[in-house]
PDB file of N, CA and C in Angstrom:
ATOM      1  N   MET A   1       0.728  61.732   2.022  1.00  0.00           N
ATOM      2  CA  MET A   1       0.445  62.457   0.796  1.00  0.00           C
ATOM      3  C   MET A   1      -1.064  62.666   0.715  1.00  0.00           C
ATOM      4  N   GLY A   2      -1.489  63.884   0.428  1.00  0.00           N
ATOM      5  CA  GLY A   2      -2.912  64.182   0.335  1.00  0.00           C
ATOM      6  C   GLY A   2      -3.554  63.485  -0.853  1.00  0.00           C
ATOM      7  N   GLU A   3      -4.885  63.413  -0.805  1.00  0.00           N
ATOM      8  CA  GLU A   3      -5.612  62.705  -1.862  1.00  0.00           C
ATOM      9  C   GLU A   3      -5.436  63.379  -3.221  1.00  0.00           C
ATOM     10  N   VAL A   4      -5.465  64.707  -3.229  1.00  0.00           N
ATOM     11  CA  VAL A   4      -5.303  65.441  -4.489  1.00  0.00           C
ATOM     12  C   VAL A   4      -3.893  65.252  -5.035  1.00  0.00           C
ATOM     13  N   ARG A   5      -2.906  65.322  -4.148  1.00  0.00           N
ATOM     14  CA  ARG A   5      -1.521  65.137  -4.584  1.00  0.00           C
ATOM     15  C   ARG A   5      -1.293  63.721  -5.096  1.00  0.00           C
ATOM     16  N   MET A   6      -1.903  62.738  -4.406  1.00  0.00           N
ATOM     17  CA  MET A   6      -1.757  61.341  -4.821  1.00  0.00           C
ATOM     18  C   MET A   6      -2.368  61.143  -6.207  1.00  0.00           C
ATOM     19  N   ASP A   7      -3.544  61.754  -6.443  1.00  0.00           N
ATOM     20  CA  ASP A   7      -4.185  61.641  -7.754  1.00  0.00           C
ATOM     21  C   ASP A   7      -3.309  62.238  -8.848  1.00  0.00           C
ATOM     22  N   LEU A   8      -2.745  63.396  -8.569  1.00  0.00           N
ATOM     23  CA  LEU A   8      -1.878  64.049  -9.549  1.00  0.00           C
ATOM     24  C   LEU A   8      -0.619  63.218  -9.801  1.00  0.00           C
ATOM     25  N   TYR A   9      -0.028  62.708  -8.727  1.00  0.00           N
ATOM     26  CA  TYR A   9       1.165  61.871  -8.849  1.00  0.00           C
ATOM     27  C   TYR A   9       0.847  60.603  -9.641  1.00  0.00           C
ATOM     28  N   LEU A  10      -0.280  59.980  -9.309  1.00  0.00           N
ATOM     29  CA  LEU A  10      -0.690  58.753  -9.993  1.00  0.00           C
ATOM     30  C   LEU A  10      -0.953  59.018 -11.473  1.00  0.00           C
ATOM     31  N   LYS A  11      -1.556  60.165 -11.767  1.00  0.00           N
ATOM     32  CA  LYS A  11      -1.842  60.520 -13.159  1.00  0.00           C
ATOM     33  C   LYS A  11      -0.546  60.643 -13.969  1.00  0.00           C
ATOM     34  N   THR A  12       0.447  61.314 -13.396  1.00  0.00           N
ATOM     35  CA  THR A  12       1.713  61.476 -14.120  1.00  0.00           C
ATOM     36  C   THR A  12       2.455  60.150 -14.244  1.00  0.00           C
ATOM     37  N   GLN A  13       2.395  59.320 -13.205  1.00  0.00           N
ATOM     38  CA  GLN A  13       3.069  58.023 -13.264  1.00  0.00           C
ATOM     39  C   GLN A  13       2.392  57.104 -14.283  1.00  0.00           C
ATOM     40  N   ARG A  14       1.071  57.153 -14.353  1.00  0.00           N
ATOM     41  CA  ARG A  14       0.364  56.343 -15.358  1.00  0.00           C
ATOM     42  C   ARG A  14       0.798  56.744 -16.760  1.00  0.00           C
ATOM     43  N   TRP A  15       0.891  58.059 -16.967  1.00  0.00           N
ATOM     44  CA  TRP A  15       1.289  58.556 -18.284  1.00  0.00           C
ATOM     45  C   TRP A  15       2.682  58.038 -18.629  1.00  0.00           C
ATOM     46  N   ARG A  16       3.617  58.134 -17.679  1.00  0.00           N
ATOM     47  CA  ARG A  16       4.977  57.629 -17.897  1.00  0.00           C
ATOM     48  C   ARG A  16       4.975  56.116 -18.102  1.00  0.00           C
ATOM     49  N   TYR A  17       4.176  55.406 -17.298  1.00  0.00           N
ATOM     50  CA  TYR A  17       4.133  53.944 -17.347  1.00  0.00           C
ATOM     51  C   TYR A  17       3.607  53.453 -18.695  1.00  0.00           C
ATOM     52  N   HIS A  18       2.557  54.102 -19.200  1.00  0.00           N
ATOM     53  CA  HIS A  18       1.972  53.676 -20.479  1.00  0.00           C
ATOM     54  C   HIS A  18       2.925  53.904 -21.650  1.00  0.00           C
ATOM     55  N   ARG A  19       3.720  54.948 -21.582  1.00  0.00           N
ATOM     56  CA  ARG A  19       4.594  55.274 -22.700  1.00  0.00           C
ATOM     57  C   ARG A  19       5.983  54.654 -22.581  1.00  0.00           C
ATOM     58  N   GLY A  20       6.294  54.100 -21.440  1.00  0.00           N
ATOM     59  CA  GLY A  20       7.637  53.573 -21.218  1.00  0.00           C
ATOM     60  C   GLY A  20       7.828  52.159 -21.734  1.00  0.00           C
ATOM     61  N   ASN A  21       9.089  51.809 -21.957  1.00  0.00           N
ATOM     62  CA  ASN A  21       9.413  50.432 -22.341  1.00  0.00           C
ATOM     63  C   ASN A  21       9.547  49.590 -21.074  1.00  0.00           C
ATOM     64  N   ARG A  22      10.000  48.381 -21.212  1.00  0.00           N
ATOM     65  CA  ARG A  22      10.058  47.440 -20.091  1.00  0.00           C
ATOM     66  C   ARG A  22      10.948  47.942 -18.943  1.00  0.00           C
ATOM     67  N   GLU A  23      12.088  48.500 -19.279  1.00  0.00           N
ATOM     68  CA  GLU A  23      13.018  48.994 -18.256  1.00  0.00           C
ATOM     69  C   GLU A  23      12.435  50.191 -17.504  1.00  0.00           C
ATOM     70  N   VAL A  24      11.798  51.082 -18.241  1.00  0.00           N
ATOM     71  CA  VAL A  24      11.186  52.262 -17.616  1.00  0.00           C
ATOM     72  C   VAL A  24      10.060  51.827 -16.684  1.00  0.00           C
ATOM     73  N   LYS A  25       9.252  50.877 -17.136  1.00  0.00           N
ATOM     74  CA  LYS A  25       8.145  50.377 -16.311  1.00  0.00           C
ATOM     75  C   LYS A  25       8.677  49.735 -15.036  1.00  0.00           C
ATOM     76  N   LYS A  26       9.771  49.027 -15.145  1.00  0.00           N
ATOM     77  CA  LYS A  26      10.377  48.376 -13.987  1.00  0.00           C
ATOM     78  C   LYS A  26      10.827  49.418 -12.959  1.00  0.00           C
ATOM     79  N   ARG A  27      11.476  50.484 -13.439  1.00  0.00           N
ATOM     80  CA  ARG A  27      11.932  51.546 -12.543  1.00  0.00           C
ATOM     81  C   ARG A  27      10.761  52.275 -11.886  1.00  0.00           C
ATOM     82  N   ILE A  28       9.719  52.536 -12.678  1.00  0.00           N
ATOM     83  CA  ILE A  28       8.534  53.220 -12.141  1.00  0.00           C
ATOM     84  C   ILE A  28       7.875  52.369 -11.061  1.00  0.00           C
ATOM     85  N   LEU A  29       7.758  51.062 -11.316  1.00  0.00           N
ATOM     86  CA  LEU A  29       7.160  50.158 -10.328  1.00  0.00           C
ATOM     87  C   LEU A  29       7.988  50.111  -9.049  1.00  0.00           C
ATOM     88  N   ASP A  30       9.301  50.029  -9.189  1.00  0.00           N
ATOM     89  CA  ASP A  30      10.179  50.003  -8.016  1.00  0.00           C
ATOM     90  C   ASP A  30      10.005  51.275  -7.182  1.00  0.00           C
ATOM     91  N   GLU A  31      10.011  52.409  -7.865  1.00  0.00           N
ATOM     92  CA  GLU A  31       9.870  53.699  -7.191  1.00  0.00           C
ATOM     93  C   GLU A  31       8.505  53.815  -6.501  1.00  0.00           C
ATOM     94  N   PHE A  32       7.458  53.413  -7.209  1.00  0.00           N
ATOM     95  CA  PHE A  32       6.094  53.514  -6.681  1.00  0.00           C
ATOM     96  C   PHE A  32       5.920  52.619  -5.453  1.00  0.00           C
ATOM     97  N   CYS A  33       6.417  51.402  -5.529  1.00  0.00           N
ATOM     98  CA  CYS A  33       6.305  50.459  -4.406  1.00  0.00           C
ATOM     99  C   CYS A  33       7.083  50.958  -3.194  1.00  0.00           C
ATOM    100  N   GLU A  34       8.235  51.532  -3.440  1.00  0.00           N
ATOM    101  CA  GLU A  34       9.072  52.010  -2.343  1.00  0.00           C
ATOM    102  C   GLU A  34       8.452  53.227  -1.657  1.00  0.00           C
ATOM    103  N   THR A  35       7.916  54.153  -2.433  1.00  0.00           N
ATOM    104  CA  THR A  35       7.384  55.385  -1.842  1.00  0.00           C
ATOM    105  C   THR A  35       6.011  55.201  -1.203  1.00  0.00           C
ATOM    106  N   HIS A  36       5.187  54.314  -1.746  1.00  0.00           N
ATOM    107  CA  HIS A  36       3.807  54.187  -1.259  1.00  0.00           C
ATOM    108  C   HIS A  36       3.517  52.900  -0.509  1.00  0.00           C
ATOM    109  N   GLY A  37       4.442  51.963  -0.511  1.00  0.00           N
ATOM    110  CA  GLY A  37       4.250  50.733   0.243  1.00  0.00           C
ATOM    111  C   GLY A  37       3.293  49.742  -0.397  1.00  0.00           C
ATOM    112  N   TYR A  38       3.037  49.889  -1.681  1.00  0.00           N
ATOM    113  CA  TYR A  38       2.180  48.942  -2.398  1.00  0.00           C
ATOM    114  C   TYR A  38       2.968  47.676  -2.725  1.00  0.00           C
ATOM    115  N   HIS A  39       2.269  46.563  -2.841  1.00  0.00           N
ATOM    116  CA  HIS A  39       2.888  45.364  -3.389  1.00  0.00           C
ATOM    117  C   HIS A  39       3.066  45.595  -4.883  1.00  0.00           C
ATOM    118  N   ARG A  40       4.015  44.914  -5.465  1.00  0.00           N
ATOM    119  CA  ARG A  40       4.356  45.141  -6.867  1.00  0.00           C
ATOM    120  C   ARG A  40       3.178  44.875  -7.800  1.00  0.00           C
ATOM    121  N   LYS A  41       2.452  43.782  -7.567  1.00  0.00           N
ATOM    122  CA  LYS A  41       1.328  43.425  -8.438  1.00  0.00           C
ATOM    123  C   LYS A  41       0.200  44.464  -8.326  1.00  0.00           C
ATOM    124  N   ALA A  42      -0.071  44.925  -7.112  1.00  0.00           N
ATOM    125  CA  ALA A  42      -1.120  45.931  -6.906  1.00  0.00           C
ATOM    126  C   ALA A  42      -0.735  47.248  -7.573  1.00  0.00           C
ATOM    127  N   ALA A  43       0.529  47.605  -7.472  1.00  0.00           N
ATOM    128  CA  ALA A  43       1.005  48.839  -8.099  1.00  0.00           C
ATOM    129  C   ALA A  43       0.907  48.743  -9.619  1.00  0.00           C
ATOM    130  N   ALA A  44       1.255  47.582 -10.171  1.00  0.00           N
ATOM    131  CA  ALA A  44       1.174  47.396 -11.624  1.00  0.00           C
ATOM    132  C   ALA A  44      -0.274  47.517 -12.090  1.00  0.00           C
ATOM    133  N   ARG A  45      -1.207  46.935 -11.333  1.00  0.00           N
ATOM    134  CA  ARG A  45      -2.629  47.044 -11.698  1.00  0.00           C
ATOM    135  C   ARG A  45      -3.087  48.496 -11.660  1.00  0.00           C
ATOM    136  N   LEU A  46      -2.664  49.202 -10.638  1.00  0.00           N
ATOM    137  CA  LEU A  46      -3.053  50.596 -10.470  1.00  0.00           C
ATOM    138  C   LEU A  46      -2.507  51.459 -11.608  1.00  0.00           C
ATOM    139  N   LEU A  47      -1.287  51.201 -12.001  1.00  0.00           N
ATOM    140  CA  LEU A  47      -0.673  51.996 -13.065  1.00  0.00           C
ATOM    141  C   LEU A  47      -1.192  51.619 -14.454  1.00  0.00           C
ATOM    142  N   ARG A  48      -1.678  50.402 -14.611  1.00  0.00           N
ATOM    143  CA  ARG A  48      -2.208  49.982 -15.912  1.00  0.00           C
ATOM    144  C   ARG A  48      -3.603  50.518 -16.189  1.00  0.00           C
ATOM    145  N   GLN A  49      -4.317  50.931 -15.148  1.00  0.00           N
ATOM    146  CA  GLN A  49      -5.681  51.423 -15.337  1.00  0.00           C
ATOM    147  C   GLN A  49      -5.678  52.622 -16.265  1.00  0.00           C
ATOM    148  N   LEU A  50      -6.763  52.741 -17.020  1.00  0.00           N
ATOM    149  CA  LEU A  50      -6.895  53.888 -17.905  1.00  0.00           C
ATOM    150  C   LEU A  50      -7.145  55.137 -17.072  1.00  0.00           C
ATOM    151  N   PRO A  51      -6.615  56.263 -17.488  1.00  0.00           N
ATOM    152  CA  PRO A  51      -6.839  57.489 -16.727  1.00  0.00           C
ATOM    153  C   PRO A  51      -8.320  57.869 -16.724  1.00  0.00           C
ATOM    154  N   ILE A  52      -8.764  58.405 -15.597  1.00  0.00           N
ATOM    155  CA  ILE A  52     -10.162  58.794 -15.455  1.00  0.00           C
ATOM    156  C   ILE A  52     -10.370  60.117 -16.174  1.00  0.00           C
ATOM    157  N   SER A  53     -11.401  60.171 -17.004  1.00  0.00           N
ATOM    158  CA  SER A  53     -11.683  61.360 -17.791  1.00  0.00           C
ATOM    159  C   SER A  53     -12.601  62.309 -17.014  1.00  0.00           C
ATOM    160  N   ASP A  54     -12.457  63.600 -17.263  1.00  0.00           N
ATOM    161  CA  ASP A  54     -13.327  64.592 -16.637  1.00  0.00           C
ATOM    162  C   ASP A  54     -14.633  64.756 -17.404  1.00  0.00           C
ATOM    163  N   LYS A  55     -14.673  64.199 -18.617  1.00  0.00           N
ATOM    164  CA  LYS A  55     -15.876  64.332 -19.434  1.00  0.00           C
ATOM    165  C   LYS A  55     -16.989  63.448 -18.901  1.00  0.00           C
ATOM    166  N   LYS A  56     -18.219  63.897 -19.081  1.00  0.00           N
ATOM    167  CA  LYS A  56     -19.363  63.080 -18.696  1.00  0.00           C
ATOM    168  C   LYS A  56     -19.536  61.988 -19.741  1.00  0.00           C
ATOM    169  N   PRO A  57     -19.923  60.793 -19.314  1.00  0.00           N
ATOM    170  CA  PRO A  57     -20.119  59.725 -20.290  1.00  0.00           C
ATOM    171  C   PRO A  57     -21.307  60.022 -21.198  1.00  0.00           C
ATOM    172  N   LYS A  58     -21.186  59.586 -22.433  1.00  0.00           N
ATOM    173  CA  LYS A  58     -22.243  59.799 -23.408  1.00  0.00           C
ATOM    174  C   LYS A  58     -23.442  58.942 -23.021  1.00  0.00           C
ATOM    175  N   LYS A  59     -24.624  59.545 -23.083  1.00  0.00           N
ATOM    176  CA  LYS A  59     -25.827  58.796 -22.737  1.00  0.00           C
ATOM    177  C   LYS A  59     -26.114  57.784 -23.830  1.00  0.00           C
ATOM    178  N   LEU A  60     -26.374  56.564 -23.404  1.00  0.00           N
ATOM    179  CA  LEU A  60     -26.666  55.497 -24.338  1.00  0.00           C
ATOM    180  C   LEU A  60     -28.169  55.347 -24.499  1.00  0.00           C
ATOM    181  N   GLY A  61     -28.543  54.645 -25.526  1.00  0.00           N
ATOM    182  CA  GLY A  61     -29.950  54.331 -25.722  1.00  0.00           C
ATOM    183  C   GLY A  61     -30.636  55.283 -26.674  1.00  0.00           C
ATOM    184  N   LYS A  62     -31.890  54.987 -26.861  1.00  0.00           N
ATOM    185  CA  LYS A  62     -32.712  55.753 -27.775  1.00  0.00           C
ATOM    186  C   LYS A  62     -33.043  57.120 -27.183  1.00  0.00           C
ATOM    187  N   LYS A  63     -33.088  58.137 -28.015  1.00  0.00           N
ATOM    188  CA  LYS A  63     -33.444  59.463 -27.545  1.00  0.00           C
ATOM    189  C   LYS A  63     -34.953  59.540 -27.355  1.00  0.00           C
ATOM    190  N   LYS A  64     -35.365  60.372 -26.409  1.00  0.00           N
ATOM    191  CA  LYS A  64     -36.785  60.515 -26.120  1.00  0.00           C
ATOM    192  C   LYS A  64     -37.486  61.151 -27.311  1.00  0.00           C
ATOM    193  N   ILE A  65     -38.660  60.615 -27.631  1.00  0.00           N
ATOM    194  CA  ILE A  65     -39.420  61.159 -28.755  1.00  0.00           C
ATOM    195  C   ILE A  65     -40.641  61.927 -28.260  1.00  0.00           C
ATOM    196  N   TYR A  66     -40.729  62.135 -26.952  1.00  0.00           N
ATOM    197  CA  TYR A  66     -41.845  62.863 -26.377  1.00  0.00           C
ATOM    198  C   TYR A  66     -41.314  63.849 -25.350  1.00  0.00           C
ATOM    199  N   ASP A  67     -42.146  64.816 -25.033  1.00  0.00           N
ATOM    200  CA  ASP A  67     -41.786  65.804 -24.028  1.00  0.00           C
ATOM    201  C   ASP A  67     -42.405  65.382 -22.699  1.00  0.00           C
ATOM    202  N   PRO A  68     -41.604  65.045 -21.705  1.00  0.00           N
ATOM    203  CA  PRO A  68     -42.151  64.556 -20.437  1.00  0.00           C
ATOM    204  C   PRO A  68     -43.111  65.532 -19.765  1.00  0.00           C
ATOM    205  N   SER A  69     -42.887  66.843 -19.926  1.00  0.00           N
ATOM    206  CA  SER A  69     -43.772  67.812 -19.279  1.00  0.00           C
ATOM    207  C   SER A  69     -45.185  67.755 -19.851  1.00  0.00           C
ATOM    208  N   ILE A  70     -45.318  67.374 -21.102  1.00  0.00           N
ATOM    209  CA  ILE A  70     -46.638  67.271 -21.739  1.00  0.00           C
ATOM    210  C   ILE A  70     -47.271  65.920 -21.441  1.00  0.00           C
ATOM    211  N   LEU A  71     -46.483  64.877 -21.409  1.00  0.00           N
ATOM    212  CA  LEU A  71     -47.008  63.520 -21.281  1.00  0.00           C
ATOM    213  C   LEU A  71     -47.333  63.114 -19.847  1.00  0.00           C
ATOM    214  N   LEU A  72     -46.597  63.604 -18.874  1.00  0.00           N
ATOM    215  CA  LEU A  72     -46.748  63.113 -17.509  1.00  0.00           C
ATOM    216  C   LEU A  72     -48.077  63.480 -16.858  1.00  0.00           C
ATOM    217  N   GLU A  73     -48.614  64.642 -17.140  1.00  0.00           N
ATOM    218  CA  GLU A  73     -49.884  65.056 -16.524  1.00  0.00           C
ATOM    219  C   GLU A  73     -51.041  64.131 -16.906  1.00  0.00           C
ATOM    220  N   PRO A  74     -51.295  63.875 -18.210  1.00  0.00           N
ATOM    221  CA  PRO A  74     -52.382  62.945 -18.554  1.00  0.00           C
ATOM    222  C   PRO A  74     -52.106  61.519 -18.073  1.00  0.00           C
ATOM    223  N   LEU A  75     -50.849  61.103 -18.110  1.00  0.00           N
ATOM    224  CA  LEU A  75     -50.502  59.760 -17.658  1.00  0.00           C
ATOM    225  C   LEU A  75     -50.779  59.598 -16.164  1.00  0.00           C
ATOM    226  N   LYS A  76     -50.502  60.643 -15.405  1.00  0.00           N
ATOM    227  CA  LYS A  76     -50.779  60.598 -13.972  1.00  0.00           C
ATOM    228  C   LYS A  76     -52.283  60.522 -13.713  1.00  0.00           C
ATOM    229  N   LYS A  77     -53.082  61.237 -14.520  1.00  0.00           N
ATOM    230  CA  LYS A  77     -54.547  61.174 -14.380  1.00  0.00           C
ATOM    231  C   LYS A  77     -55.054  59.761 -14.656  1.00  0.00           C
ATOM    232  N   ILE A  78     -54.513  59.148 -15.697  1.00  0.00           N
ATOM    233  CA  ILE A  78     -54.911  57.773 -16.040  1.00  0.00           C
ATOM    234  C   ILE A  78     -54.504  56.820 -14.924  1.00  0.00           C
ATOM    235  N   TRP A  79     -53.307  56.994 -14.415  1.00  0.00           N
ATOM    236  CA  TRP A  79     -52.800  56.126 -13.350  1.00  0.00           C
ATOM    237  C   TRP A  79     -53.651  56.236 -12.088  1.00  0.00           C
ATOM    238  N   LEU A  80     -54.053  57.468 -11.731  1.00  0.00           N
ATOM    239  CA  LEU A  80     -54.897  57.663 -10.552  1.00  0.00           C
ATOM    240  C   LEU A  80     -56.310  57.137 -10.785  1.00  0.00           C
ATOM    241  N   ALA A  81     -56.814  57.262 -12.019  1.00  0.00           N
ATOM    242  CA  ALA A  81     -58.160  56.768 -12.338  1.00  0.00           C
ATOM    243  C   ALA A  81     -58.230  55.248 -12.274  1.00  0.00           C
ATOM    244  N   THR A  82     -57.111  54.581 -12.493  1.00  0.00           N
ATOM    245  CA  THR A  82     -57.093  53.111 -12.441  1.00  0.00           C
ATOM    246  C   THR A  82     -56.593  52.602 -11.087  1.00  0.00           C
ATOM    247  N   ASP A  83     -56.721  53.412 -10.052  1.00  0.00           N
ATOM    248  CA  ASP A  83     -56.319  53.057  -8.687  1.00  0.00           C
ATOM    249  C   ASP A  83     -54.835  52.694  -8.575  1.00  0.00           C
ATOM    250  N   GLN A  84     -54.007  53.412  -9.292  1.00  0.00           N
ATOM    251  CA  GLN A  84     -52.544  53.298  -9.221  1.00  0.00           C
ATOM    252  C   GLN A  84     -52.046  51.870  -9.462  1.00  0.00           C
ATOM    253  N   ILE A  85     -52.498  51.298 -10.559  1.00  0.00           N
ATOM    254  CA  ILE A  85     -52.073  49.934 -10.893  1.00  0.00           C
ATOM    255  C   ILE A  85     -50.644  49.937 -11.427  1.00  0.00           C
ATOM    256  N   CYS A  86     -50.056  48.750 -11.525  1.00  0.00           N
ATOM    257  CA  CYS A  86     -48.670  48.636 -11.986  1.00  0.00           C
ATOM    258  C   CYS A  86     -48.572  48.979 -13.476  1.00  0.00           C
ATOM    259  N   GLY A  87     -47.368  49.231 -13.924  1.00  0.00           N
ATOM    260  CA  GLY A  87     -47.126  49.650 -15.300  1.00  0.00           C
ATOM    261  C   GLY A  87     -47.537  48.623 -16.333  1.00  0.00           C
ATOM    262  N   LYS A  88     -47.390  47.349 -15.997  1.00  0.00           N
ATOM    263  CA  LYS A  88     -47.745  46.278 -16.929  1.00  0.00           C
ATOM    264  C   LYS A  88     -49.246  46.302 -17.226  1.00  0.00           C
ATOM    265  N   ARG A  89     -50.055  46.430 -16.177  1.00  0.00           N
ATOM    266  CA  ARG A  89     -51.511  46.472 -16.358  1.00  0.00           C
ATOM    267  C   ARG A  89     -51.963  47.824 -16.898  1.00  0.00           C
ATOM    268  N   LEU A  90     -51.252  48.866 -16.519  1.00  0.00           N
ATOM    269  CA  LEU A  90     -51.587  50.206 -17.000  1.00  0.00           C
ATOM    270  C   LEU A  90     -51.415  50.289 -18.511  1.00  0.00           C
ATOM    271  N   LYS A  91     -50.404  49.631 -19.030  1.00  0.00           N
ATOM    272  CA  LYS A  91     -50.153  49.634 -20.472  1.00  0.00           C
ATOM    273  C   LYS A  91     -51.323  49.015 -21.224  1.00  0.00           C
ATOM    274  N   GLU A  92     -51.886  47.928 -20.672  1.00  0.00           N
ATOM    275  CA  GLU A  92     -53.010  47.257 -21.322  1.00  0.00           C
ATOM    276  C   GLU A  92     -54.255  48.142 -21.354  1.00  0.00           C
ATOM    277  N   ARG A  93     -54.474  48.910 -20.295  1.00  0.00           N
ATOM    278  CA  ARG A  93     -55.697  49.712 -20.177  1.00  0.00           C
ATOM    279  C   ARG A  93     -55.545  51.138 -20.672  1.00  0.00           C
ATOM    280  N   SER A  94     -54.340  51.543 -21.011  1.00  0.00           N
ATOM    281  CA  SER A  94     -54.114  52.947 -21.352  1.00  0.00           C
ATOM    282  C   SER A  94     -54.844  53.377 -22.618  1.00  0.00           C
ATOM    283  N   ALA A  95     -54.975  52.498 -23.596  1.00  0.00           N
ATOM    284  CA  ALA A  95     -55.668  52.874 -24.836  1.00  0.00           C
ATOM    285  C   ALA A  95     -57.123  53.241 -24.552  1.00  0.00           C
ATOM    286  N   HIS A  96     -57.802  52.444 -23.730  1.00  0.00           N
ATOM    287  CA  HIS A  96     -59.197  52.737 -23.385  1.00  0.00           C
ATOM    288  C   HIS A  96     -59.293  54.021 -22.569  1.00  0.00           C
ATOM    289  N   MET A  97     -58.359  54.209 -21.667  1.00  0.00           N
ATOM    290  CA  MET A  97     -58.398  55.384 -20.801  1.00  0.00           C
ATOM    291  C   MET A  97     -58.096  56.666 -21.572  1.00  0.00           C
ATOM    292  N   VAL A  98     -57.228  56.596 -22.565  1.00  0.00           N
ATOM    293  CA  VAL A  98     -56.901  57.782 -23.360  1.00  0.00           C
ATOM    294  C   VAL A  98     -58.126  58.242 -24.131  1.00  0.00           C
ATOM    295  N   THR A  99     -58.830  57.301 -24.745  1.00  0.00           N
ATOM    296  CA  THR A  99     -60.044  57.684 -25.489  1.00  0.00           C
ATOM    297  C   THR A  99     -61.104  58.232 -24.544  1.00  0.00           C
ATOM    298  N   ALA A 100     -61.257  57.625 -23.373  1.00  0.00           N
ATOM    299  CA  ALA A 100     -62.243  58.103 -22.403  1.00  0.00           C
ATOM    300  C   ALA A 100     -61.861  59.489 -21.883  1.00  0.00           C
ATOM    301  N   LEU A 101     -60.593  59.692 -21.636  1.00  0.00           N
ATOM    302  CA  LEU A 101     -60.127  60.988 -21.139  1.00  0.00           C
ATOM    303  C   LEU A 101     -60.280  62.075 -22.194  1.00  0.00           C
ATOM    304  N   SER A 102     -60.005  61.743 -23.445  1.00  0.00           N
ATOM    305  CA  SER A 102     -60.116  62.745 -24.508  1.00  0.00           C
ATOM    306  C   SER A 102     -61.573  63.123 -24.765  1.00  0.00           C
ATOM    307  N   GLN A 103     -62.506  62.190 -24.547  1.00  0.00           N
ATOM    308  CA  GLN A 103     -63.927  62.491 -24.736  1.00  0.00           C
ATOM    309  C   GLN A 103     -64.462  63.370 -23.607  1.00  0.00           C
ATOM    310  N   THR A 104     -63.980  63.175 -22.389  1.00  0.00           N
ATOM    311  CA  THR A 104     -64.466  63.958 -21.256  1.00  0.00           C
ATOM    312  C   THR A 104     -63.815  65.336 -21.174  1.00  0.00           C
ATOM    313  N   SER A 105     -62.611  65.478 -21.681  1.00  0.00           N
ATOM    314  CA  SER A 105     -61.905  66.769 -21.575  1.00  0.00           C
ATOM    315  C   SER A 105     -62.328  67.740 -22.623  1.00  0.00           C
TER     316      SER A 105
END
């Protein structure tokens, strides 16, 4: 069975499995194990999984409050002026560098 066909078959079987009672689930498991050669426990786990959604997951976290295209250029200048130091040290020195950069520009 092709991968696309297997996905479609699995999707329909999951739908039937989730909505079925104990007897229906038993028949579905028997049929699935017989046709695909899965062990009963593995087939039950596979059928219990939630169906995979086509929707993209919602982005978590705080929304950006700055425009990266505006912020990255001056930040890169500061980073290069400080000999490409790590972010932890750059954070400490950024206040001094911003004032120095704004005075020279």
